[in-house]
Amino acid sequence: MSKHRYVLPYFLLIAIAYALFGSCQSEKPPVAPAVNLRDSVPLMVTHGVSKLISDSGVIRYRIVAEEWNVYDKTTPSRQTFPQGLLLEKFDEKFHVEMYITADTAVWYDQNLWELRGRVCVWNADGTIFRSELLYWNMDRHEFYSNKYSRLVSPQRNAEGVSFRSNEQMTQYEVNVAKASFPIPDETEEEVTDKSGQTATELETLPSRPPVEARPKTEKPNNNLPPGGHFK
């Protein structure tokens, strides 16, 4: 009788332990569903970016951004800068020859830039460009936009829509344009009187309003394809 007294409680303890162990195993941690659309998720997300980019082994660009997202499964591949961008371009002596700022930016295939929101381009010669949208094709070395744009340079000012230019912004086309050129109001020339003394005669020219170019008769192209040519 003494041997069977402790057999029943022993089996009860084993059954209780097995039940507790099984209940713990059934409580699995929550698992998120699998991501099928891989192109909707960035491969890399970086905050506080300052990156140097080389071209043919020479450092030519620097990117400064608050957030940088890299998508590798999209067609074309893209890199986005949703919180703003500062981009600097260097010459052969590592001097800044151009910088660009924008509220948001997308870089397609590491070639075509799409810059949006308070876009500003500054060149070393003093030229300043402003618009709400600007495309930059790095392979073809050209800028273009189908939004209102304004260009201010030491030689002239121009504004309009359907803007296209080279990277230096020395050759450009603007449709539905208005331009102004600085014209001196006064000119000075030296004259000699009969006594042989030199005097300065001031010739006053009538003031002239800024020259305005007439709008072109053709309808402006508001859907410029990426990578178009300029004349």
C-alpha atoms as a PDB file:
ATOM      1  CA  MET A   1       0.000   0.000   0.000  1.00  0.00           C
ATOM      2  CA  SER A   2       2.853   2.409   0.715  1.00  0.00           C
ATOM      3  CA  LYS A   3       4.260   2.043  -2.802  1.00  0.00           C
ATOM      4  CA  HIS A   4       1.007   3.068  -4.554  1.00  0.00           C
ATOM      5  CA  ARG A   5       0.382   6.000  -2.206  1.00  0.00           C
ATOM      6  CA  TYR A   6       2.778   8.337  -4.099  1.00  0.00           C
ATOM      7  CA  VAL A   7       2.263   7.040  -7.650  1.00  0.00           C
ATOM      8  CA  LEU A   8      -0.964   8.959  -8.371  1.00  0.00           C
ATOM      9  CA  PRO A   9       0.317  12.431  -7.313  1.00  0.00           C
ATOM     10  CA  TYR A  10       3.459  11.887  -9.399  1.00  0.00           C
ATOM     11  CA  PHE A  11       1.443  11.344 -12.587  1.00  0.00           C
ATOM     12  CA  LEU A  12      -0.728  14.354 -11.749  1.00  0.00           C
ATOM     13  CA  LEU A  13       2.333  16.561 -11.501  1.00  0.00           C
ATOM     14  CA  ILE A  14       3.554  15.364 -14.931  1.00  0.00           C
ATOM     15  CA  ALA A  15       0.162  16.075 -16.529  1.00  0.00           C
ATOM     16  CA  ILE A  16      -0.053  19.569 -15.032  1.00  0.00           C
ATOM     17  CA  ALA A  17       3.502  20.438 -16.184  1.00  0.00           C
ATOM     18  CA  TYR A  18       2.775  19.187 -19.715  1.00  0.00           C
ATOM     19  CA  ALA A  19      -0.409  21.286 -19.870  1.00  0.00           C
ATOM     20  CA  LEU A  20       1.421  24.410 -18.721  1.00  0.00           C
ATOM     21  CA  PHE A  21       4.258  23.834 -21.200  1.00  0.00           C
ATOM     22  CA  GLY A  22       1.848  23.361 -24.075  1.00  0.00           C
ATOM     23  CA  SER A  23      -0.065  26.536 -23.247  1.00  0.00           C
ATOM     24  CA  CYS A  24       3.174  28.566 -23.198  1.00  0.00           C
ATOM     25  CA  GLN A  25       4.215  27.215 -26.601  1.00  0.00           C
ATOM     26  CA  SER A  26       0.905  28.210 -28.200  1.00  0.00           C
ATOM     27  CA  GLU A  27       1.363  31.895 -27.321  1.00  0.00           C
ATOM     28  CA  LYS A  28       3.466  32.943 -30.359  1.00  0.00           C
ATOM     29  CA  PRO A  29       4.684  36.538 -30.750  1.00  0.00           C
ATOM     30  CA  PRO A  30       2.836  38.660 -33.351  1.00  0.00           C
ATOM     31  CA  VAL A  31       4.369  38.527 -36.835  1.00  0.00           C
ATOM     32  CA  ALA A  32       3.780  41.146 -39.553  1.00  0.00           C
ATOM     33  CA  PRO A  33       2.558  39.912 -42.935  1.00  0.00           C
ATOM     34  CA  ALA A  34       5.114  39.373 -45.682  1.00  0.00           C
ATOM     35  CA  VAL A  35       5.891  42.329 -47.919  1.00  0.00           C
ATOM     36  CA  ASN A  36       4.995  41.357 -51.471  1.00  0.00           C
ATOM     37  CA  LEU A  37       5.390  44.798 -53.101  1.00  0.00           C
ATOM     38  CA  ARG A  38       9.117  45.155 -52.519  1.00  0.00           C
ATOM     39  CA  ASP A  39       9.327  48.413 -54.491  1.00  0.00           C
ATOM     40  CA  SER A  40       7.210  50.212 -51.878  1.00  0.00           C
ATOM     41  CA  VAL A  41       9.835  49.745 -49.153  1.00  0.00           C
ATOM     42  CA  PRO A  42      13.226  51.493 -49.299  1.00  0.00           C
ATOM     43  CA  LEU A  43      16.332  49.364 -49.129  1.00  0.00           C
ATOM     44  CA  MET A  44      18.047  51.986 -46.962  1.00  0.00           C
ATOM     45  CA  VAL A  45      16.867  54.938 -44.865  1.00  0.00           C
ATOM     46  CA  THR A  46      19.517  57.352 -43.597  1.00  0.00           C
ATOM     47  CA  HIS A  47      19.111  60.494 -41.496  1.00  0.00           C
ATOM     48  CA  GLY A  48      21.560  63.392 -41.311  1.00  0.00           C
ATOM     49  CA  VAL A  49      23.398  62.760 -44.595  1.00  0.00           C
ATOM     50  CA  SER A  50      26.547  64.479 -45.862  1.00  0.00           C
ATOM     51  CA  LYS A  51      27.926  62.472 -48.796  1.00  0.00           C
ATOM     52  CA  LEU A  52      30.643  63.126 -51.374  1.00  0.00           C
ATOM     53  CA  ILE A  53      30.115  61.758 -54.898  1.00  0.00           C
ATOM     54  CA  SER A  54      32.959  61.188 -57.356  1.00  0.00           C
ATOM     55  CA  ASP A  55      32.948  61.232 -61.134  1.00  0.00           C
ATOM     56  CA  SER A  56      35.727  59.310 -62.919  1.00  0.00           C
ATOM     57  CA  GLY A  57      37.650  59.101 -59.647  1.00  0.00           C
ATOM     58  CA  VAL A  58      37.386  62.856 -58.923  1.00  0.00           C
ATOM     59  CA  ILE A  59      35.095  64.248 -56.224  1.00  0.00           C
ATOM     60  CA  ARG A  60      32.620  66.518 -58.000  1.00  0.00           C
ATOM     61  CA  TYR A  61      29.460  66.662 -55.842  1.00  0.00           C
ATOM     62  CA  ARG A  62      28.355  66.789 -52.232  1.00  0.00           C
ATOM     63  CA  ILE A  63      24.839  65.972 -50.987  1.00  0.00           C
ATOM     64  CA  VAL A  64      23.531  67.255 -47.660  1.00  0.00           C
ATOM     65  CA  ALA A  65      20.063  66.082 -46.602  1.00  0.00           C
ATOM     66  CA  GLU A  66      18.010  65.413 -43.480  1.00  0.00           C
ATOM     67  CA  GLU A  67      16.589  62.134 -44.855  1.00  0.00           C
ATOM     68  CA  TRP A  68      17.782  59.889 -47.680  1.00  0.00           C
ATOM     69  CA  ASN A  69      15.789  56.880 -48.951  1.00  0.00           C
ATOM     70  CA  VAL A  70      17.170  54.387 -51.480  1.00  0.00           C
ATOM     71  CA  TYR A  71      14.788  52.231 -53.565  1.00  0.00           C
ATOM     72  CA  ASP A  72      16.494  49.462 -55.552  1.00  0.00           C
ATOM     73  CA  LYS A  73      13.462  47.536 -56.865  1.00  0.00           C
ATOM     74  CA  THR A  74      11.721  50.360 -58.708  1.00  0.00           C
ATOM     75  CA  THR A  75      11.871  51.002 -62.449  1.00  0.00           C
ATOM     76  CA  PRO A  76      13.803  53.205 -62.761  1.00  0.00           C
ATOM     77  CA  SER A  77      15.671  52.954 -59.470  1.00  0.00           C
ATOM     78  CA  ARG A  78      15.369  56.094 -57.401  1.00  0.00           C
ATOM     79  CA  GLN A  79      16.688  57.892 -54.359  1.00  0.00           C
ATOM     80  CA  THR A  80      14.409  60.323 -52.547  1.00  0.00           C
ATOM     81  CA  PHE A  81      15.116  63.278 -50.273  1.00  0.00           C
ATOM     82  CA  PRO A  82      11.688  64.120 -48.779  1.00  0.00           C
ATOM     83  CA  GLN A  83      12.908  66.681 -46.241  1.00  0.00           C
ATOM     84  CA  GLY A  84      15.008  68.894 -48.462  1.00  0.00           C
ATOM     85  CA  LEU A  85      18.331  68.845 -50.270  1.00  0.00           C
ATOM     86  CA  LEU A  86      21.508  70.876 -50.634  1.00  0.00           C
ATOM     87  CA  LEU A  87      23.686  69.820 -53.566  1.00  0.00           C
ATOM     88  CA  GLU A  88      27.088  71.340 -54.324  1.00  0.00           C
ATOM     89  CA  LYS A  89      29.097  70.909 -57.508  1.00  0.00           C
ATOM     90  CA  PHE A  90      32.892  71.351 -57.447  1.00  0.00           C
ATOM     91  CA  ASP A  91      35.363  72.233 -60.159  1.00  0.00           C
ATOM     92  CA  GLU A  92      38.732  70.547 -60.704  1.00  0.00           C
ATOM     93  CA  LYS A  93      40.266  72.561 -57.842  1.00  0.00           C
ATOM     94  CA  PHE A  94      37.471  71.591 -55.430  1.00  0.00           C
ATOM     95  CA  HIS A  95      35.939  75.077 -55.528  1.00  0.00           C
ATOM     96  CA  VAL A  96      32.136  75.334 -55.417  1.00  0.00           C
ATOM     97  CA  GLU A  97      30.951  76.356 -58.897  1.00  0.00           C
ATOM     98  CA  MET A  98      27.237  75.667 -58.378  1.00  0.00           C
ATOM     99  CA  TYR A  99      24.847  74.767 -55.606  1.00  0.00           C
ATOM    100  CA  ILE A 100      21.194  73.734 -55.654  1.00  0.00           C
ATOM    101  CA  THR A 101      18.570  73.757 -52.905  1.00  0.00           C
ATOM    102  CA  ALA A 102      15.046  72.300 -52.999  1.00  0.00           C
ATOM    103  CA  ASP A 103      12.286  71.314 -50.573  1.00  0.00           C
ATOM    104  CA  THR A 104      12.136  67.759 -51.969  1.00  0.00           C
ATOM    105  CA  ALA A 105      14.151  65.852 -54.568  1.00  0.00           C
ATOM    106  CA  VAL A 106      14.161  62.538 -56.432  1.00  0.00           C
ATOM    107  CA  TRP A 107      17.232  61.124 -58.180  1.00  0.00           C
ATOM    108  CA  TYR A 108      16.431  58.600 -60.936  1.00  0.00           C
ATOM    109  CA  ASP A 109      19.109  56.086 -62.024  1.00  0.00           C
ATOM    110  CA  GLN A 110      21.751  58.408 -60.536  1.00  0.00           C
ATOM    111  CA  ASN A 111      21.281  60.641 -63.584  1.00  0.00           C
ATOM    112  CA  LEU A 112      18.019  62.606 -63.709  1.00  0.00           C
ATOM    113  CA  TRP A 113      17.152  64.934 -60.814  1.00  0.00           C
ATOM    114  CA  GLU A 114      13.584  66.059 -60.137  1.00  0.00           C
ATOM    115  CA  LEU A 115      13.691  69.077 -57.815  1.00  0.00           C
ATOM    116  CA  ARG A 116      10.481  70.511 -56.340  1.00  0.00           C
ATOM    117  CA  GLY A 117       9.419  73.335 -54.058  1.00  0.00           C
ATOM    118  CA  ARG A 118      11.428  76.578 -53.729  1.00  0.00           C
ATOM    119  CA  VAL A 119      14.165  75.409 -56.086  1.00  0.00           C
ATOM    120  CA  CYS A 120      17.191  77.707 -56.223  1.00  0.00           C
ATOM    121  CA  VAL A 121      20.290  77.322 -58.408  1.00  0.00           C
ATOM    122  CA  TRP A 122      23.325  79.538 -57.880  1.00  0.00           C
ATOM    123  CA  ASN A 123      26.358  79.731 -60.185  1.00  0.00           C
ATOM    124  CA  ALA A 124      29.781  81.141 -59.380  1.00  0.00           C
ATOM    125  CA  ASP A 125      29.321  83.930 -61.943  1.00  0.00           C
ATOM    126  CA  GLY A 126      26.406  85.345 -59.929  1.00  0.00           C
ATOM    127  CA  THR A 127      23.488  83.835 -61.886  1.00  0.00           C
ATOM    128  CA  ILE A 128      20.496  82.847 -59.728  1.00  0.00           C
ATOM    129  CA  PHE A 129      17.605  80.697 -60.923  1.00  0.00           C
ATOM    130  CA  ARG A 130      14.336  80.130 -59.012  1.00  0.00           C
ATOM    131  CA  SER A 131      11.330  77.935 -59.737  1.00  0.00           C
ATOM    132  CA  GLU A 132       8.927  75.450 -58.150  1.00  0.00           C
ATOM    133  CA  LEU A 133      10.054  72.600 -60.426  1.00  0.00           C
ATOM    134  CA  LEU A 134      13.329  71.858 -62.163  1.00  0.00           C
ATOM    135  CA  TYR A 135      14.770  68.787 -63.904  1.00  0.00           C
ATOM    136  CA  TRP A 136      18.507  68.277 -64.233  1.00  0.00           C
ATOM    137  CA  ASN A 137      19.860  65.692 -66.688  1.00  0.00           C
ATOM    138  CA  MET A 138      23.439  65.097 -65.623  1.00  0.00           C
ATOM    139  CA  ASP A 139      24.388  63.058 -68.708  1.00  0.00           C
ATOM    140  CA  ARG A 140      23.207  65.753 -71.129  1.00  0.00           C
ATOM    141  CA  HIS A 141      24.300  68.625 -68.862  1.00  0.00           C
ATOM    142  CA  GLU A 142      21.005  70.531 -69.109  1.00  0.00           C
ATOM    143  CA  PHE A 143      18.225  71.966 -66.963  1.00  0.00           C
ATOM    144  CA  TYR A 144      14.564  72.266 -67.948  1.00  0.00           C
ATOM    145  CA  SER A 145      11.210  73.069 -66.368  1.00  0.00           C
ATOM    146  CA  ASN A 146       7.562  73.508 -67.395  1.00  0.00           C
ATOM    147  CA  LYS A 147       6.730  75.768 -64.448  1.00  0.00           C
ATOM    148  CA  TYR A 148       7.142  79.493 -63.956  1.00  0.00           C
ATOM    149  CA  SER A 149      10.876  80.240 -63.710  1.00  0.00           C
ATOM    150  CA  ARG A 150      12.959  83.346 -63.100  1.00  0.00           C
ATOM    151  CA  LEU A 151      16.597  83.826 -64.076  1.00  0.00           C
ATOM    152  CA  VAL A 152      18.671  86.736 -62.754  1.00  0.00           C
ATOM    153  CA  SER A 153      22.183  87.225 -64.126  1.00  0.00           C
ATOM    154  CA  PRO A 154      24.634  90.146 -64.193  1.00  0.00           C
ATOM    155  CA  GLN A 155      23.769  90.742 -67.879  1.00  0.00           C
ATOM    156  CA  ARG A 156      19.982  90.310 -67.991  1.00  0.00           C
ATOM    157  CA  ASN A 157      16.843  89.108 -66.226  1.00  0.00           C
ATOM    158  CA  ALA A 158      14.371  86.665 -67.761  1.00  0.00           C
ATOM    159  CA  GLU A 159      11.205  84.953 -66.588  1.00  0.00           C
ATOM    160  CA  GLY A 160       8.537  82.728 -68.080  1.00  0.00           C
ATOM    161  CA  VAL A 161       7.476  79.101 -68.427  1.00  0.00           C
ATOM    162  CA  SER A 162       8.939  76.152 -70.346  1.00  0.00           C
ATOM    163  CA  PHE A 163      12.523  76.945 -69.364  1.00  0.00           C
ATOM    164  CA  ARG A 164      15.517  75.066 -70.816  1.00  0.00           C
ATOM    165  CA  SER A 165      19.248  75.798 -70.516  1.00  0.00           C
ATOM    166  CA  ASN A 166      22.714  74.333 -70.325  1.00  0.00           C
ATOM    167  CA  GLU A 167      24.337  73.621 -66.941  1.00  0.00           C
ATOM    168  CA  GLN A 168      26.077  77.012 -66.868  1.00  0.00           C
ATOM    169  CA  MET A 169      22.768  78.766 -67.709  1.00  0.00           C
ATOM    170  CA  THR A 170      24.552  80.841 -70.347  1.00  0.00           C
ATOM    171  CA  GLN A 171      22.372  79.470 -73.194  1.00  0.00           C
ATOM    172  CA  TYR A 172      18.679  79.154 -72.475  1.00  0.00           C
ATOM    173  CA  GLU A 173      15.171  79.287 -73.932  1.00  0.00           C
ATOM    174  CA  VAL A 174      12.099  80.680 -72.170  1.00  0.00           C
ATOM    175  CA  ASN A 175       8.573  80.530 -73.628  1.00  0.00           C
ATOM    176  CA  VAL A 176       5.910  83.172 -72.804  1.00  0.00           C
ATOM    177  CA  ALA A 177       8.856  85.218 -71.664  1.00  0.00           C
ATOM    178  CA  LYS A 178       9.549  88.639 -70.253  1.00  0.00           C
ATOM    179  CA  ALA A 179      13.096  89.958 -70.148  1.00  0.00           C
ATOM    180  CA  SER A 180      14.864  93.140 -69.090  1.00  0.00           C
ATOM    181  CA  PHE A 181      18.319  94.467 -69.895  1.00  0.00           C
ATOM    182  CA  PRO A 182      20.199  97.164 -67.970  1.00  0.00           C
ATOM    183  CA  ILE A 183      20.396 100.353 -70.063  1.00  0.00           C
ATOM    184  CA  PRO A 184      22.451 103.302 -68.723  1.00  0.00           C
ATOM    185  CA  ASP A 185      20.381 106.469 -68.259  1.00  0.00           C
ATOM    186  CA  GLU A 186      23.350 108.808 -68.621  1.00  0.00           C
ATOM    187  CA  THR A 187      26.548 108.771 -70.659  1.00  0.00           C
ATOM    188  CA  GLU A 188      29.614 110.914 -70.179  1.00  0.00           C
ATOM    189  CA  GLU A 189      31.944 112.134 -72.904  1.00  0.00           C
ATOM    190  CA  GLU A 190      34.862 114.526 -72.878  1.00  0.00           C
ATOM    191  CA  VAL A 191      34.834 117.593 -75.188  1.00  0.00           C
ATOM    192  CA  THR A 192      37.510 120.214 -75.806  1.00  0.00           C
ATOM    193  CA  ASP A 193      36.583 123.905 -76.016  1.00  0.00           C
ATOM    194  CA  LYS A 194      38.252 126.526 -78.235  1.00  0.00           C
ATOM    195  CA  SER A 195      40.724 127.524 -75.532  1.00  0.00           C
ATOM    196  CA  GLY A 196      42.125 123.991 -75.473  1.00  0.00           C
ATOM    197  CA  GLN A 197      40.804 123.205 -71.996  1.00  0.00           C
ATOM    198  CA  THR A 198      39.122 119.833 -71.431  1.00  0.00           C
ATOM    199  CA  ALA A 199      35.602 119.892 -70.079  1.00  0.00           C
ATOM    200  CA  THR A 200      33.085 117.162 -69.262  1.00  0.00           C
ATOM    201  CA  GLU A 201      29.743 117.358 -70.959  1.00  0.00           C
ATOM    202  CA  LEU A 202      26.937 115.247 -69.480  1.00  0.00           C
ATOM    203  CA  GLU A 203      24.425 113.995 -71.991  1.00  0.00           C
ATOM    204  CA  THR A 204      21.168 112.893 -70.477  1.00  0.00           C
ATOM    205  CA  LEU A 205      19.305 110.124 -72.268  1.00  0.00           C
ATOM    206  CA  PRO A 206      15.570 109.632 -71.920  1.00  0.00           C
ATOM    207  CA  SER A 207      14.655 106.814 -69.563  1.00  0.00           C
ATOM    208  CA  ARG A 208      13.486 103.648 -71.276  1.00  0.00           C
ATOM    209  CA  PRO A 209      11.223 100.972 -69.873  1.00  0.00           C
ATOM    210  CA  PRO A 210      12.508  97.363 -69.659  1.00  0.00           C
ATOM    211  CA  VAL A 211      12.411  95.586 -72.991  1.00  0.00           C
ATOM    212  CA  GLU A 212       9.675  92.950 -73.034  1.00  0.00           C
ATOM    213  CA  ALA A 213       9.761  90.103 -75.498  1.00  0.00           C
ATOM    214  CA  ARG A 214       6.483  89.334 -77.199  1.00  0.00           C
ATOM    215  CA  PRO A 215       4.979  85.947 -76.339  1.00  0.00           C
ATOM    216  CA  LYS A 216       5.457  83.291 -78.971  1.00  0.00           C
ATOM    217  CA  THR A 217       2.411  82.383 -80.994  1.00  0.00           C
ATOM    218  CA  GLU A 218       2.783  78.672 -80.494  1.00  0.00           C
ATOM    219  CA  LYS A 219       1.301  77.056 -77.429  1.00  0.00           C
ATOM    220  CA  PRO A 220       4.002  76.427 -74.773  1.00  0.00           C
ATOM    221  CA  ASN A 221       4.897  72.819 -74.194  1.00  0.00           C
ATOM    222  CA  ASN A 222       3.874  72.128 -70.615  1.00  0.00           C
ATOM    223  CA  ASN A 223       4.787  68.451 -70.739  1.00  0.00           C
ATOM    224  CA  LEU A 224       8.453  68.388 -71.571  1.00  0.00           C
ATOM    225  CA  PRO A 225       9.805  64.833 -71.696  1.00  0.00           C
ATOM    226  CA  PRO A 226      12.798  64.110 -69.469  1.00  0.00           C
ATOM    227  CA  GLY A 227      16.051  64.559 -71.310  1.00  0.00           C
ATOM    228  CA  GLY A 228      14.907  66.902 -74.106  1.00  0.00           C
ATOM    229  CA  HIS A 229      17.306  68.965 -76.196  1.00  0.00           C
ATOM    230  CA  PHE A 230      17.829  72.701 -76.226  1.00  0.00           C
ATOM    231  CA  LYS A 231      18.936  74.943 -79.056  1.00  0.00           C
END
